[in-house]
Amino acid sequence: ASHLISLGAIPSRVYNNLFCYKKRNDLEIQKYLINNIKTYNDIYYIT
């Protein structure tokens, strides 16, 4: 990664485009996931 950055890769741009992208229904999806966390003994899971 260090070598690729020295060759011109821009970490902030990569991170923002890969992981900070938000869709219109992002909030609805996050709400669904949080509200549907279940447990099986020590295991947390979502369907």
All heavy atoms as atom14 arrays in JSON, in Angstrom:
{
  "sequence": "ASHLISLGAIPSRVYNNLFCYKKRNDLEIQKYLINNIKTYNDIYYIT",
  "atom14_mask": [
    [1, 1, 1, 1, 1, 0, 0, 0, 0, 0, 0, 0, 0, 0],
    [1, 1, 1, 1, 1, 1, 0, 0, 0, 0, 0, 0, 0, 0],
    [1, 1, 1, 1, 1, 1, 1, 1, 1, 1, 0, 0, 0, 0],
    [1, 1, 1, 1, 1, 1, 1, 1, 0, 0, 0, 0, 0, 0],
    [1, 1, 1, 1, 1, 1, 1, 1, 0, 0, 0, 0, 0, 0],
    [1, 1, 1, 1, 1, 1, 0, 0, 0, 0, 0, 0, 0, 0],
    [1, 1, 1, 1, 1, 1, 1, 1, 0, 0, 0, 0, 0, 0],
    [1, 1, 1, 1, 0, 0, 0, 0, 0, 0, 0, 0, 0, 0],
    [1, 1, 1, 1, 1, 0, 0, 0, 0, 0, 0, 0, 0, 0],
    [1, 1, 1, 1, 1, 1, 1, 1, 0, 0, 0, 0, 0, 0],
    [1, 1, 1, 1, 1, 1, 1, 0, 0, 0, 0, 0, 0, 0],
    [1, 1, 1, 1, 1, 1, 0, 0, 0, 0, 0, 0, 0, 0],
    [1, 1, 1, 1, 1, 1, 1, 1, 1, 1, 1, 0, 0, 0],
    [1, 1, 1, 1, 1, 1, 1, 0, 0, 0, 0, 0, 0, 0],
    [1, 1, 1, 1, 1, 1, 1, 1, 1, 1, 1, 1, 0, 0],
    [1, 1, 1, 1, 1, 1, 1, 1, 0, 0, 0, 0, 0, 0],
    [1, 1, 1, 1, 1, 1, 1, 1, 0, 0, 0, 0, 0, 0],
    [1, 1, 1, 1, 1, 1, 1, 1, 0, 0, 0, 0, 0, 0],
    [1, 1, 1, 1, 1, 1, 1, 1, 1, 1, 1, 0, 0, 0],
    [1, 1, 1, 1, 1, 1, 0, 0, 0, 0, 0, 0, 0, 0],
    [1, 1, 1, 1, 1, 1, 1, 1, 1, 1, 1, 1, 0, 0],
    [1, 1, 1, 1, 1, 1, 1, 1, 1, 0, 0, 0, 0, 0],
    [1, 1, 1, 1, 1, 1, 1, 1, 1, 0, 0, 0, 0, 0],
    [1, 1, 1, 1, 1, 1, 1, 1, 1, 1, 1, 0, 0, 0],
    [1, 1, 1, 1, 1, 1, 1, 1, 0, 0, 0, 0, 0, 0],
    [1, 1, 1, 1, 1, 1, 1, 1, 0, 0, 0, 0, 0, 0],
    [1, 1, 1, 1, 1, 1, 1, 1, 0, 0, 0, 0, 0, 0],
    [1, 1, 1, 1, 1, 1, 1, 1, 1, 0, 0, 0, 0, 0],
    [1, 1, 1, 1, 1, 1, 1, 1, 0, 0, 0, 0, 0, 0],
    [1, 1, 1, 1, 1, 1, 1, 1, 1, 0, 0, 0, 0, 0],
    [1, 1, 1, 1, 1, 1, 1, 1, 1, 0, 0, 0, 0, 0],
    [1, 1, 1, 1, 1, 1, 1, 1, 1, 1, 1, 1, 0, 0],
    [1, 1, 1, 1, 1, 1, 1, 1, 0, 0, 0, 0, 0, 0],
    [1, 1, 1, 1, 1, 1, 1, 1, 0, 0, 0, 0, 0, 0],
    [1, 1, 1, 1, 1, 1, 1, 1, 0, 0, 0, 0, 0, 0],
    [1, 1, 1, 1, 1, 1, 1, 1, 0, 0, 0, 0, 0, 0],
    [1, 1, 1, 1, 1, 1, 1, 1, 0, 0, 0, 0, 0, 0],
    [1, 1, 1, 1, 1, 1, 1, 1, 1, 0, 0, 0, 0, 0],
    [1, 1, 1, 1, 1, 1, 1, 0, 0, 0, 0, 0, 0, 0],
    [1, 1, 1, 1, 1, 1, 1, 1, 1, 1, 1, 1, 0, 0],
    [1, 1, 1, 1, 1, 1, 1, 1, 0, 0, 0, 0, 0, 0],
    [1, 1, 1, 1, 1, 1, 1, 1, 0, 0, 0, 0, 0, 0],
    [1, 1, 1, 1, 1, 1, 1, 1, 0, 0, 0, 0, 0, 0],
    [1, 1, 1, 1, 1, 1, 1, 1, 1, 1, 1, 1, 0, 0],
    [1, 1, 1, 1, 1, 1, 1, 1, 1, 1, 1, 1, 0, 0],
    [1, 1, 1, 1, 1, 1, 1, 1, 0, 0, 0, 0, 0, 0],
    [1, 1, 1, 1, 1, 1, 1, 0, 0, 0, 0, 0, 0, 0]
  ],
  "atom14_positions": [
    [[0.83, -1.2, 0.0], [0.0, 0.0, 0.0], [0.87, 1.25, 0.0], [0.59, 2.22, -0.72], [-0.93, -0.01, 1.21], [0.0, 0.0, 0.0], [0.0, 0.0, 0.0], [0.0, 0.0, 0.0], [0.0, 0.0, 0.0], [0.0, 0.0, 0.0], [0.0, 0.0, 0.0], [0.0, 0.0, 0.0], [0.0, 0.0, 0.0], [0.0, 0.0, 0.0]],
    [[1.93, 1.24, 0.79], [2.84, 2.38, 0.86], [3.47, 2.67, -0.51], [3.55, 3.82, -0.94], [3.93, 2.11, 1.9], [4.88, 3.16, 1.91], [0.0, 0.0, 0.0], [0.0, 0.0, 0.0], [0.0, 0.0, 0.0], [0.0, 0.0, 0.0], [0.0, 0.0, 0.0], [0.0, 0.0, 0.0], [0.0, 0.0, 0.0], [0.0, 0.0, 0.0]],
    [[3.88, 1.59, -1.19], [4.48, 1.77, -2.5], [3.46, 2.3, -3.51], [3.77, 3.2, -4.31], [5.06, 0.44, -3.0], [5.84, 0.58, -4.27], [5.95, -0.43, -5.2], [6.53, 1.63, -4.8], [6.67, -0.03, -6.22], [7.04, 1.22, -6.01], [0.0, 0.0, 0.0], [0.0, 0.0, 0.0], [0.0, 0.0, 0.0], [0.0, 0.0, 0.0]],
    [[2.23, 1.79, -3.45], [1.19, 2.24, -4.38], [0.83, 3.71, -4.14], [0.58, 4.46, -5.09], [-0.06, 1.36, -4.23], [0.11, -0.11, -4.67], [-1.14, -0.9, -4.34], [0.46, -0.21, -6.15], [0.0, 0.0, 0.0], [0.0, 0.0, 0.0], [0.0, 0.0, 0.0], [0.0, 0.0, 0.0], [0.0, 0.0, 0.0], [0.0, 0.0, 0.0]],
    [[0.85, 4.13, -2.88], [0.6, 5.54, -2.56], [1.72, 6.41, -3.14], [1.47, 7.47, -3.7], [0.48, 5.74, -1.04], [-0.8, 5.06, -0.52], [0.46, 7.23, -0.68], [-0.88, 4.97, 0.98], [0.0, 0.0, 0.0], [0.0, 0.0, 0.0], [0.0, 0.0, 0.0], [0.0, 0.0, 0.0], [0.0, 0.0, 0.0], [0.0, 0.0, 0.0]],
    [[2.95, 5.92, -3.02], [4.08, 6.69, -3.57], [4.0, 6.8, -5.09], [4.55, 7.73, -5.68], [5.41, 6.04, -3.16], [5.64, 4.84, -3.88], [0.0, 0.0, 0.0], [0.0, 0.0, 0.0], [0.0, 0.0, 0.0], [0.0, 0.0, 0.0], [0.0, 0.0, 0.0], [0.0, 0.0, 0.0], [0.0, 0.0, 0.0], [0.0, 0.0, 0.0]],
    [[3.26, 5.85, -5.72], [3.11, 5.87, -7.17], [1.88, 6.68, -7.62], [1.64, 6.82, -8.81], [3.0, 4.45, -7.71], [4.25, 3.57, -7.56], [3.96, 2.14, -7.98], [5.41, 4.13, -8.38], [0.0, 0.0, 0.0], [0.0, 0.0, 0.0], [0.0, 0.0, 0.0], [0.0, 0.0, 0.0], [0.0, 0.0, 0.0], [0.0, 0.0, 0.0]],
    [[1.1, 7.17, -6.64], [-0.01, 8.04, -7.01], [-1.38, 7.66, -6.5], [-2.35, 8.42, -6.68], [0.0, 0.0, 0.0], [0.0, 0.0, 0.0], [0.0, 0.0, 0.0], [0.0, 0.0, 0.0], [0.0, 0.0, 0.0], [0.0, 0.0, 0.0], [0.0, 0.0, 0.0], [0.0, 0.0, 0.0], [0.0, 0.0, 0.0], [0.0, 0.0, 0.0]],
    [[-1.53, 6.49, -5.88], [-2.83, 6.13, -5.32], [-3.2, 7.1, -4.19], [-2.33, 7.5, -3.41], [-2.8, 4.7, -4.78], [0.0, 0.0, 0.0], [0.0, 0.0, 0.0], [0.0, 0.0, 0.0], [0.0, 0.0, 0.0], [0.0, 0.0, 0.0], [0.0, 0.0, 0.0], [0.0, 0.0, 0.0], [0.0, 0.0, 0.0], [0.0, 0.0, 0.0]],
    [[-4.46, 7.48, -4.12], [-4.91, 8.45, -3.11], [-5.82, 7.73, -2.11], [-6.99, 7.45, -2.41], [-5.64, 9.63, -3.77], [-4.72, 10.3, -4.78], [-6.11, 10.63, -2.71], [-5.37, 11.41, -5.57], [0.0, 0.0, 0.0], [0.0, 0.0, 0.0], [0.0, 0.0, 0.0], [0.0, 0.0, 0.0], [0.0, 0.0, 0.0], [0.0, 0.0, 0.0]],
    [[-5.32, 7.39, -0.92], [-6.09, 6.61, 0.06], [-7.43, 7.22, 0.43], [-8.43, 6.52, 0.56], [-5.15, 6.54, 1.27], [-3.8, 6.76, 0.72], [-3.97, 7.7, -0.43], [0.0, 0.0, 0.0], [0.0, 0.0, 0.0], [0.0, 0.0, 0.0], [0.0, 0.0, 0.0], [0.0, 0.0, 0.0], [0.0, 0.0, 0.0], [0.0, 0.0, 0.0]],
    [[-7.47, 8.54, 0.63], [-8.72, 9.18, 1.04], [-9.8, 9.04, -0.02], [-10.98, 8.8, 0.29], [-8.48, 10.67, 1.36], [-7.98, 11.35, 0.22], [0.0, 0.0, 0.0], [0.0, 0.0, 0.0], [0.0, 0.0, 0.0], [0.0, 0.0, 0.0], [0.0, 0.0, 0.0], [0.0, 0.0, 0.0], [0.0, 0.0, 0.0], [0.0, 0.0, 0.0]],
    [[-9.41, 9.16, -1.28], [-10.39, 9.03, -2.37], [-10.9, 7.59, -2.45], [-12.11, 7.36, -2.63], [-9.76, 9.44, -3.7], [-10.72, 9.34, -4.88], [-10.21, 10.07, -6.09], [-8.98, 9.5, -6.61], [-8.21, 10.12, -7.51], [-8.53, 11.33, -7.92], [-7.12, 9.53, -7.97], [0.0, 0.0, 0.0], [0.0, 0.0, 0.0], [0.0, 0.0, 0.0]],
    [[-10.0, 6.63, -2.3], [-10.4, 5.23, -2.33], [-11.36, 4.94, -1.19], [-12.42, 4.33, -1.38], [-9.16, 4.31, -2.24], [-9.6, 2.85, -2.04], [-8.31, 4.44, -3.49], [0.0, 0.0, 0.0], [0.0, 0.0, 0.0], [0.0, 0.0, 0.0], [0.0, 0.0, 0.0], [0.0, 0.0, 0.0], [0.0, 0.0, 0.0], [0.0, 0.0, 0.0]],
    [[-11.01, 5.37, 0.01], [-11.86, 5.1, 1.18], [-13.24, 5.73, 1.02], [-14.27, 5.09, 1.26], [-11.2, 5.61, 2.45], [-12.0, 5.33, 3.69], [-11.93, 4.07, 4.31], [-12.86, 6.28, 4.24], [-12.68, 3.79, 5.42], [-13.62, 6.0, 5.36], [-13.53, 4.76, 5.94], [-14.29, 4.48, 7.05], [0.0, 0.0, 0.0], [0.0, 0.0, 0.0]],
    [[-13.28, 6.99, 0.61], [-14.55, 7.68, 0.47], [-15.45, 7.03, -0.57], [-16.67, 6.9, -0.36], [-14.32, 9.16, 0.11], [-13.77, 9.95, 1.27], [-14.0, 9.62, 2.43], [-13.03, 11.0, 0.97], [0.0, 0.0, 0.0], [0.0, 0.0, 0.0], [0.0, 0.0, 0.0], [0.0, 0.0, 0.0], [0.0, 0.0, 0.0], [0.0, 0.0, 0.0]],
    [[-14.87, 6.62, -1.7], [-15.67, 6.03, -2.76], [-16.1, 4.6, -2.44], [-17.2, 4.18, -2.83], [-14.92, 6.06, -4.09], [-14.97, 7.43, -4.75], [-16.01, 7.85, -5.26], [-13.86, 8.14, -4.72], [0.0, 0.0, 0.0], [0.0, 0.0, 0.0], [0.0, 0.0, 0.0], [0.0, 0.0, 0.0], [0.0, 0.0, 0.0], [0.0, 0.0, 0.0]],
    [[-15.26, 3.85, -1.73], [-15.6, 2.47, -1.42], [-16.52, 2.34, -0.22], [-17.47, 1.57, -0.22], [-14.33, 1.64, -1.17], [-13.45, 1.28, -2.36], [-12.29, 0.41, -1.89], [-14.25, 0.56, -3.43], [0.0, 0.0, 0.0], [0.0, 0.0, 0.0], [0.0, 0.0, 0.0], [0.0, 0.0, 0.0], [0.0, 0.0, 0.0], [0.0, 0.0, 0.0]],
    [[-16.23, 3.1, 0.83], [-16.86, 2.83, 2.11], [-17.75, 3.94, 2.67], [-18.45, 3.72, 3.65], [-15.78, 2.5, 3.15], [-14.89, 1.37, 2.72], [-13.53, 1.57, 2.5], [-15.39, 0.1, 2.52], [-12.7, 0.54, 2.09], [-14.58, -0.94, 2.11], [-13.23, -0.72, 1.9], [0.0, 0.0, 0.0], [0.0, 0.0, 0.0], [0.0, 0.0, 0.0]],
    [[-17.73, 5.11, 2.07], [-18.56, 6.21, 2.58], [-19.73, 6.51, 1.66], [-20.44, 7.48, 1.85], [-17.71, 7.47, 2.77], [-16.41, 7.27, 4.01], [0.0, 0.0, 0.0], [0.0, 0.0, 0.0], [0.0, 0.0, 0.0], [0.0, 0.0, 0.0], [0.0, 0.0, 0.0], [0.0, 0.0, 0.0], [0.0, 0.0, 0.0], [0.0, 0.0, 0.0]],
    [[-19.9, 5.7, 0.64], [-21.01, 5.87, -0.29], [-22.34, 5.62, 0.43], [-22.5, 4.63, 1.14], [-20.84, 4.9, -1.45], [-22.06, 4.69, -2.31], [-22.5, 5.69, -3.17], [-22.77, 3.5, -2.25], [-23.62, 5.5, -3.96], [-23.88, 3.29, -3.04], [-24.31, 4.29, -3.89], [-25.41, 4.1, -4.66], [0.0, 0.0, 0.0], [0.0, 0.0, 0.0]],
    [[-23.28, 6.52, 0.26], [-24.59, 6.39, 0.9], [-25.69, 6.34, -0.16], [-25.72, 7.16, -1.07], [-24.86, 7.57, 1.84], [-23.85, 7.71, 2.98], [-23.91, 6.54, 3.94], [-22.91, 6.73, 5.07], [-22.87, 5.58, 5.99], [0.0, 0.0, 0.0], [0.0, 0.0, 0.0], [0.0, 0.0, 0.0], [0.0, 0.0, 0.0], [0.0, 0.0, 0.0]],
    [[-26.58, 5.38, -0.01], [-27.72, 5.29, -0.91], [-28.93, 5.97, -0.28], [-28.96, 6.25, 0.91], [-28.06, 3.82, -1.19], [-26.91, 3.02, -1.76], [-27.36, 1.65, -2.23], [-28.05, 0.88, -1.14], [-27.19, 0.62, 0.01], [0.0, 0.0, 0.0], [0.0, 0.0, 0.0], [0.0, 0.0, 0.0], [0.0, 0.0, 0.0], [0.0, 0.0, 0.0]],
    [[-29.96, 6.16, -1.09], [-31.15, 6.83, -0.59], [-31.81, 6.03, 0.52], [-32.35, 6.6, 1.46], [-32.14, 7.03, -1.76], [-33.36, 7.86, -1.39], [-34.3, 8.0, -2.58], [-33.63, 8.63, -3.7], [-34.21, 8.8, -4.89], [-35.45, 8.37, -5.1], [-33.55, 9.38, -5.87], [0.0, 0.0, 0.0], [0.0, 0.0, 0.0], [0.0, 0.0, 0.0]],
    [[-31.75, 4.69, 0.41], [-32.41, 3.86, 1.42], [-31.45, 3.32, 2.48], [-31.74, 2.35, 3.17], [-33.13, 2.69, 0.74], [-32.17, 1.73, 0.05], [-31.04, 2.11, -0.29], [-32.6, 0.51, -0.16], [0.0, 0.0, 0.0], [0.0, 0.0, 0.0], [0.0, 0.0, 0.0], [0.0, 0.0, 0.0], [0.0, 0.0, 0.0], [0.0, 0.0, 0.0]],
    [[-30.28, 3.96, 2.61], [-29.26, 3.49, 3.55], [-29.8, 3.46, 4.98], [-29.57, 2.51, 5.72], [-28.04, 4.4, 3.47], [-26.92, 3.94, 4.4], [-26.31, 2.89, 4.11], [-26.68, 4.6, 5.42], [0.0, 0.0, 0.0], [0.0, 0.0, 0.0], [0.0, 0.0, 0.0], [0.0, 0.0, 0.0], [0.0, 0.0, 0.0], [0.0, 0.0, 0.0]],
    [[-30.51, 4.5, 5.37], [-31.04, 4.58, 6.73], [-32.04, 3.47, 7.0], [-32.03, 2.86, 8.08], [-31.68, 5.95, 6.97], [-32.2, 6.21, 8.39], [-31.04, 6.13, 9.39], [-32.85, 7.59, 8.47], [0.0, 0.0, 0.0], [0.0, 0.0, 0.0], [0.0, 0.0, 0.0], [0.0, 0.0, 0.0], [0.0, 0.0, 0.0], [0.0, 0.0, 0.0]],
    [[-32.89, 3.17, 6.01], [-33.89, 2.12, 6.18], [-33.23, 0.76, 6.36], [-33.66, -0.06, 7.18], [-34.84, 2.08, 4.98], [-35.82, 3.23, 4.89], [-35.23, 4.49, 4.3], [-34.03, 4.46, 3.91], [-35.94, 5.5, 4.24], [0.0, 0.0, 0.0], [0.0, 0.0, 0.0], [0.0, 0.0, 0.0], [0.0, 0.0, 0.0], [0.0, 0.0, 0.0]],
    [[-32.16, 0.52, 5.59], [-31.46, -0.76, 5.69], [-30.78, -0.9, 7.06], [-30.87, -1.94, 7.71], [-30.43, -0.9, 4.55], [-31.16, -1.09, 3.22], [-29.48, -2.07, 4.8], [-30.26, -1.08, 2.01], [0.0, 0.0, 0.0], [0.0, 0.0, 0.0], [0.0, 0.0, 0.0], [0.0, 0.0, 0.0], [0.0, 0.0, 0.0], [0.0, 0.0, 0.0]],
    [[-30.09, 0.16, 7.49], [-29.43, 0.12, 8.8], [-30.46, -0.08, 9.92], [-30.22, -0.83, 10.88], [-28.66, 1.43, 9.03], [-27.46, 1.62, 8.11], [-26.39, 0.56, 8.31], [-26.02, 0.25, 9.43], [-25.87, 0.02, 7.21], [0.0, 0.0, 0.0], [0.0, 0.0, 0.0], [0.0, 0.0, 0.0], [0.0, 0.0, 0.0], [0.0, 0.0, 0.0]],
    [[-31.59, 0.58, 9.79], [-32.66, 0.44, 10.79], [-33.16, -1.0, 10.83], [-33.36, -1.58, 11.9], [-33.8, 1.4, 10.47], [-34.96, 1.34, 11.45], [-36.06, 2.32, 11.05], [-37.25, 2.22, 12.0], [-38.34, 3.14, 11.59], [0.0, 0.0, 0.0], [0.0, 0.0, 0.0], [0.0, 0.0, 0.0], [0.0, 0.0, 0.0], [0.0, 0.0, 0.0]],
    [[-33.36, -1.59, 9.65], [-33.82, -2.98, 9.59], [-32.83, -3.91, 10.27], [-33.2, -4.77, 11.08], [-34.03, -3.41, 8.14], [-34.35, -4.88, 8.02], [-35.65, -5.35, 8.08], [-33.32, -5.82, 7.87], [-35.94, -6.7, 8.0], [-33.59, -7.18, 7.8], [-34.91, -7.61, 7.85], [-35.17, -8.96, 7.8], [0.0, 0.0, 0.0], [0.0, 0.0, 0.0]],
    [[-31.55, -3.76, 9.94], [-30.52, -4.64, 10.48], [-30.44, -4.54, 12.0], [-30.4, -5.55, 12.71], [-29.17, -4.33, 9.84], [-29.05, -4.62, 8.34], [-27.73, -4.11, 7.79], [-29.18, -6.12, 8.07], [0.0, 0.0, 0.0], [0.0, 0.0, 0.0], [0.0, 0.0, 0.0], [0.0, 0.0, 0.0], [0.0, 0.0, 0.0], [0.0, 0.0, 0.0]],
    [[-30.42, -3.32, 12.51], [-30.32, -3.12, 13.96], [-31.53, -3.69, 14.68], [-31.42, -4.33, 15.73], [-30.13, -1.63, 14.29], [-28.75, -1.15, 13.81], [-30.3, -1.37, 15.78], [-28.54, 0.34, 13.9], [0.0, 0.0, 0.0], [0.0, 0.0, 0.0], [0.0, 0.0, 0.0], [0.0, 0.0, 0.0], [0.0, 0.0, 0.0], [0.0, 0.0, 0.0]],
    [[-32.71, -3.48, 14.11], [-33.95, -3.94, 14.76], [-34.17, -5.44, 14.65], [-35.07, -5.98, 15.31], [-35.16, -3.21, 14.16], [-35.24, -1.76, 14.58], [-34.67, -1.36, 15.6], [-35.93, -0.95, 13.8], [0.0, 0.0, 0.0], [0.0, 0.0, 0.0], [0.0, 0.0, 0.0], [0.0, 0.0, 0.0], [0.0, 0.0, 0.0], [0.0, 0.0, 0.0]],
    [[-33.38, -6.11, 13.82], [-33.58, -7.54, 13.62], [-32.43, -8.4, 14.13], [-32.29, -9.55, 13.72], [-33.85, -7.83, 12.14], [-35.25, -7.44, 11.72], [-36.19, -8.21, 11.88], [-35.41, -6.22, 11.22], [0.0, 0.0, 0.0], [0.0, 0.0, 0.0], [0.0, 0.0, 0.0], [0.0, 0.0, 0.0], [0.0, 0.0, 0.0], [0.0, 0.0, 0.0]],
    [[-31.6, -7.85, 15.0], [-30.55, -8.65, 15.64], [-31.2, -9.63, 16.62], [-31.98, -9.23, 17.48], [-29.53, -7.76, 16.37], [-28.8, -6.85, 15.39], [-28.52, -8.63, 17.14], [-27.82, -5.9, 16.05], [0.0, 0.0, 0.0], [0.0, 0.0, 0.0], [0.0, 0.0, 0.0], [0.0, 0.0, 0.0], [0.0, 0.0, 0.0], [0.0, 0.0, 0.0]],
    [[-30.87, -10.9, 16.45], [-31.4, -11.94, 17.34], [-30.23, -12.66, 18.01], [-29.07, -12.49, 17.6], [-32.25, -12.92, 16.55], [-33.43, -12.28, 15.83], [-34.13, -13.27, 14.92], [-35.24, -12.6, 14.12], [-35.88, -13.52, 13.15], [0.0, 0.0, 0.0], [0.0, 0.0, 0.0], [0.0, 0.0, 0.0], [0.0, 0.0, 0.0], [0.0, 0.0, 0.0]],
    [[-30.53, -13.44, 19.0], [-29.47, -14.19, 19.68], [-29.82, -15.67, 19.77], [-30.99, -16.04, 19.87], [-29.23, -13.66, 21.11], [-30.46, -13.75, 21.86], [-28.77, -12.22, 21.08], [0.0, 0.0, 0.0], [0.0, 0.0, 0.0], [0.0, 0.0, 0.0], [0.0, 0.0, 0.0], [0.0, 0.0, 0.0], [0.0, 0.0, 0.0], [0.0, 0.0, 0.0]],
    [[-28.78, -16.48, 19.67], [-28.9, -17.91, 19.91], [-27.77, -18.25, 20.87], [-26.62, -18.39, 20.48], [-28.77, -18.7, 18.61], [-28.99, -20.18, 18.76], [-30.25, -20.72, 18.57], [-27.94, -21.03, 19.1], [-30.47, -22.09, 18.71], [-28.15, -22.39, 19.24], [-29.42, -22.91, 19.05], [-29.62, -24.27, 19.21], [0.0, 0.0, 0.0], [0.0, 0.0, 0.0]],
    [[-28.1, -18.33, 22.14], [-27.11, -18.43, 23.21], [-26.12, -17.27, 23.09], [-26.52, -16.13, 23.19], [-26.43, -19.8, 23.21], [-27.43, -20.9, 23.57], [-28.44, -20.64, 24.22], [-27.16, -22.12, 23.16], [0.0, 0.0, 0.0], [0.0, 0.0, 0.0], [0.0, 0.0, 0.0], [0.0, 0.0, 0.0], [0.0, 0.0, 0.0], [0.0, 0.0, 0.0]],
    [[-24.84, -17.54, 22.8], [-23.85, -16.45, 22.71], [-23.67, -15.93, 21.29], [-22.8, -15.09, 21.05], [-22.48, -16.94, 23.23], [-22.5, -17.2, 24.73], [-23.3, -16.54, 25.42], [-21.73, -18.04, 25.19], [0.0, 0.0, 0.0], [0.0, 0.0, 0.0], [0.0, 0.0, 0.0], [0.0, 0.0, 0.0], [0.0, 0.0, 0.0], [0.0, 0.0, 0.0]],
    [[-24.47, -16.42, 20.36], [-24.33, -16.02, 18.96], [-25.37, -14.96, 18.61], [-26.57, -15.16, 18.82], [-24.51, -17.23, 18.03], [-23.61, -18.39, 18.45], [-24.24, -16.84, 16.58], [-23.95, -19.7, 17.77], [0.0, 0.0, 0.0], [0.0, 0.0, 0.0], [0.0, 0.0, 0.0], [0.0, 0.0, 0.0], [0.0, 0.0, 0.0], [0.0, 0.0, 0.0]],
    [[-24.9, -13.85, 18.07], [-25.8, -12.82, 17.56], [-25.92, -13.04, 16.05], [-24.94, -13.33, 15.37], [-25.25, -11.42, 17.83], [-25.27, -11.02, 19.29], [-24.3, -11.5, 20.18], [-26.25, -10.17, 19.79], [-24.31, -11.14, 21.52], [-26.28, -9.8, 21.13], [-25.3, -10.29, 21.99], [-25.32, -9.94, 23.32], [0.0, 0.0, 0.0], [0.0, 0.0, 0.0]],
    [[-27.12, -12.86, 15.54], [-27.3, -13.09, 14.1], [-28.46, -12.27, 13.55], [-29.33, -11.79, 14.29], [-27.52, -14.58, 13.8], [-28.87, -15.12, 14.23], [-29.91, -15.25, 13.31], [-29.09, -15.5, 15.55], [-31.15, -15.75, 13.7], [-30.33, -16.0, 15.94], [-31.35, -16.13, 15.02], [-32.58, -16.61, 15.41], [0.0, 0.0, 0.0], [0.0, 0.0, 0.0]],
    [[-28.44, -12.1, 12.23], [-29.51, -11.4, 11.52], [-29.83, -12.2, 10.27], [-28.93, -12.69, 9.58], [-29.11, -9.97, 11.11], [-28.76, -9.14, 12.34], [-30.24, -9.29, 10.33], [-28.22, -7.75, 11.99], [0.0, 0.0, 0.0], [0.0, 0.0, 0.0], [0.0, 0.0, 0.0], [0.0, 0.0, 0.0], [0.0, 0.0, 0.0], [0.0, 0.0, 0.0]],
    [[-31.11, -12.32, 9.97], [-31.57, -12.96, 8.74], [-32.04, -11.88, 7.77], [-32.89, -11.06, 8.12], [-32.74, -13.92, 9.04], [-32.31, -14.88, 10.0], [-33.2, -14.61, 7.78], [0.0, 0.0, 0.0], [0.0, 0.0, 0.0], [0.0, 0.0, 0.0], [0.0, 0.0, 0.0], [0.0, 0.0, 0.0], [0.0, 0.0, 0.0], [0.0, 0.0, 0.0]]
  ]
}
